[in-house]
Amino acid sequence: MTAMQIIHSIAAFIVMAEALNKLERTAPFAPGLSPRVRLVDGLKALAWLLLAMGAGGALIGPFLQPLGIGAKSSQIIAHLSPSLAEVCVLLGFAVLIIRTRVKEG
């Protein structure tokens, strides 16, 4: 693995863990919420779900071809070597998550 692939995998793991944690705590269908609060909570849940799916694809992508899954299928989900843009996006989210955790103490 290259350094960029390692950084990408670590960042994806951090984003995945935080996204699943936050997704578990959102409750857009809780009783007694106003329509505005329900919408805001629903959008937050959608955002964390999309981040979890993206991070999951980044984590599983390198394992698809060695497991025998066809090249066409694996390229739909992720490719083996992430681009600099993909690494920067995931690393940016990971840094924001770590900063928030440090700030909270």
Protein backbone atom coordinates (compact mmCIF):
# COMPACT_ATOMS: atom_id res chain seq x y z
CA MET A 1 0.00 0.00 0.00
CA THR A 2 1.17 3.50 -0.75
CA ALA A 3 1.19 6.27 1.85
CA MET A 4 -1.82 7.86 0.17
CA GLN A 5 -3.78 4.58 0.38
CA ILE A 6 -2.90 4.21 4.07
CA ILE A 7 -3.96 7.79 4.85
CA HIS A 8 -7.15 7.26 2.84
CA SER A 9 -7.97 4.07 4.77
CA ILE A 10 -7.31 5.62 8.19
CA ALA A 11 -9.39 8.69 7.33
CA ALA A 12 -12.18 6.46 5.99
CA PHE A 13 -12.18 4.45 9.22
CA ILE A 14 -12.43 7.61 11.35
CA VAL A 15 -15.23 9.05 9.20
CA MET A 16 -17.09 5.71 9.18
CA ALA A 17 -16.91 5.33 12.97
CA GLU A 18 -18.10 8.89 13.60
CA ALA A 19 -20.82 8.71 10.95
CA LEU A 20 -22.26 5.52 12.41
CA ASN A 21 -22.06 7.01 15.91
CA LYS A 22 -23.87 10.20 14.85
CA LEU A 23 -26.37 8.30 12.72
CA GLU A 24 -27.32 6.19 15.71
CA ARG A 25 -28.11 9.33 17.71
CA THR A 26 -30.32 11.05 15.14
CA ALA A 27 -34.05 10.54 15.50
CA PRO A 28 -35.96 12.29 12.71
CA PHE A 29 -39.05 10.17 13.40
CA ALA A 30 -39.19 10.81 17.15
CA PRO A 31 -42.64 11.78 18.41
CA GLY A 32 -43.33 15.39 19.28
CA LEU A 33 -40.89 17.09 16.89
CA SER A 34 -41.95 20.17 15.00
CA PRO A 35 -41.81 19.90 11.19
CA ARG A 36 -38.74 22.17 11.07
CA VAL A 37 -36.83 20.16 13.71
CA ARG A 38 -37.86 16.92 11.99
CA LEU A 39 -36.53 18.24 8.66
CA VAL A 40 -33.24 19.40 10.20
CA ASP A 41 -32.75 16.06 11.97
CA GLY A 42 -33.66 14.18 8.79
CA LEU A 43 -31.11 16.15 6.76
CA LYS A 44 -28.48 15.48 9.41
CA ALA A 45 -29.28 11.76 9.30
CA LEU A 46 -29.07 11.77 5.50
CA ALA A 47 -25.69 13.54 5.58
CA TRP A 48 -24.23 11.09 8.09
CA LEU A 49 -25.67 8.15 6.12
CA LEU A 50 -24.01 9.38 2.93
CA LEU A 51 -20.70 9.89 4.75
CA ALA A 52 -20.92 6.37 6.21
CA MET A 53 -21.64 4.90 2.77
CA GLY A 54 -18.76 6.81 1.18
CA ALA A 55 -16.33 5.81 3.91
CA GLY A 56 -17.53 2.21 3.69
CA GLY A 57 -16.87 2.20 -0.05
CA ALA A 58 -13.40 3.61 0.56
CA LEU A 59 -12.68 0.87 3.09
CA ILE A 60 -14.02 -2.08 1.10
CA GLY A 61 -12.81 -0.97 -2.36
CA PRO A 62 -9.25 -2.35 -2.16
CA PHE A 63 -10.56 -5.77 -1.04
CA LEU A 64 -13.09 -6.32 -3.83
CA GLN A 65 -10.82 -7.47 -6.66
CA PRO A 66 -8.69 -9.81 -4.51
CA LEU A 67 -11.95 -11.41 -3.31
CA GLY A 68 -12.80 -12.26 -6.91
CA ILE A 69 -15.45 -9.65 -7.55
CA GLY A 70 -15.34 -8.58 -11.19
CA ALA A 71 -13.53 -5.43 -12.28
CA LYS A 72 -16.73 -3.77 -13.50
CA SER A 73 -18.50 -4.28 -10.16
CA SER A 74 -15.58 -3.08 -8.06
CA GLN A 75 -15.04 0.03 -10.18
CA ILE A 76 -18.61 1.08 -9.53
CA ILE A 77 -18.00 1.10 -5.77
CA ALA A 78 -14.37 2.21 -5.56
CA HIS A 79 -11.08 1.86 -7.33
CA LEU A 80 -7.92 0.42 -5.82
CA SER A 81 -5.90 3.63 -5.76
CA PRO A 82 -7.67 6.74 -4.44
CA SER A 83 -7.17 10.09 -6.13
CA LEU A 84 -5.67 13.03 -4.29
CA ALA A 85 -9.11 14.67 -4.22
CA GLU A 86 -10.69 11.64 -2.54
CA VAL A 87 -7.92 11.49 0.05
CA CYS A 88 -8.23 15.22 0.77
CA VAL A 89 -12.01 15.08 1.21
CA LEU A 90 -11.93 12.12 3.59
CA LEU A 91 -8.91 13.48 5.46
CA GLY A 92 -10.63 16.86 5.80
CA PHE A 93 -13.67 15.24 7.38
CA ALA A 94 -11.45 13.12 9.64
CA VAL A 95 -9.53 16.21 10.82
CA LEU A 96 -12.80 18.04 11.55
CA ILE A 97 -14.05 15.05 13.55
CA ILE A 98 -10.80 14.80 15.53
CA ARG A 99 -10.81 18.57 16.15
CA THR A 100 -14.34 18.38 17.51
CA ARG A 101 -13.41 15.49 19.80
CA VAL A 102 -10.34 17.34 21.12
CA LYS A 103 -12.39 20.51 21.61
CA GLU A 104 -15.03 18.58 23.59
CA GLY A 105 -12.33 17.16 25.85
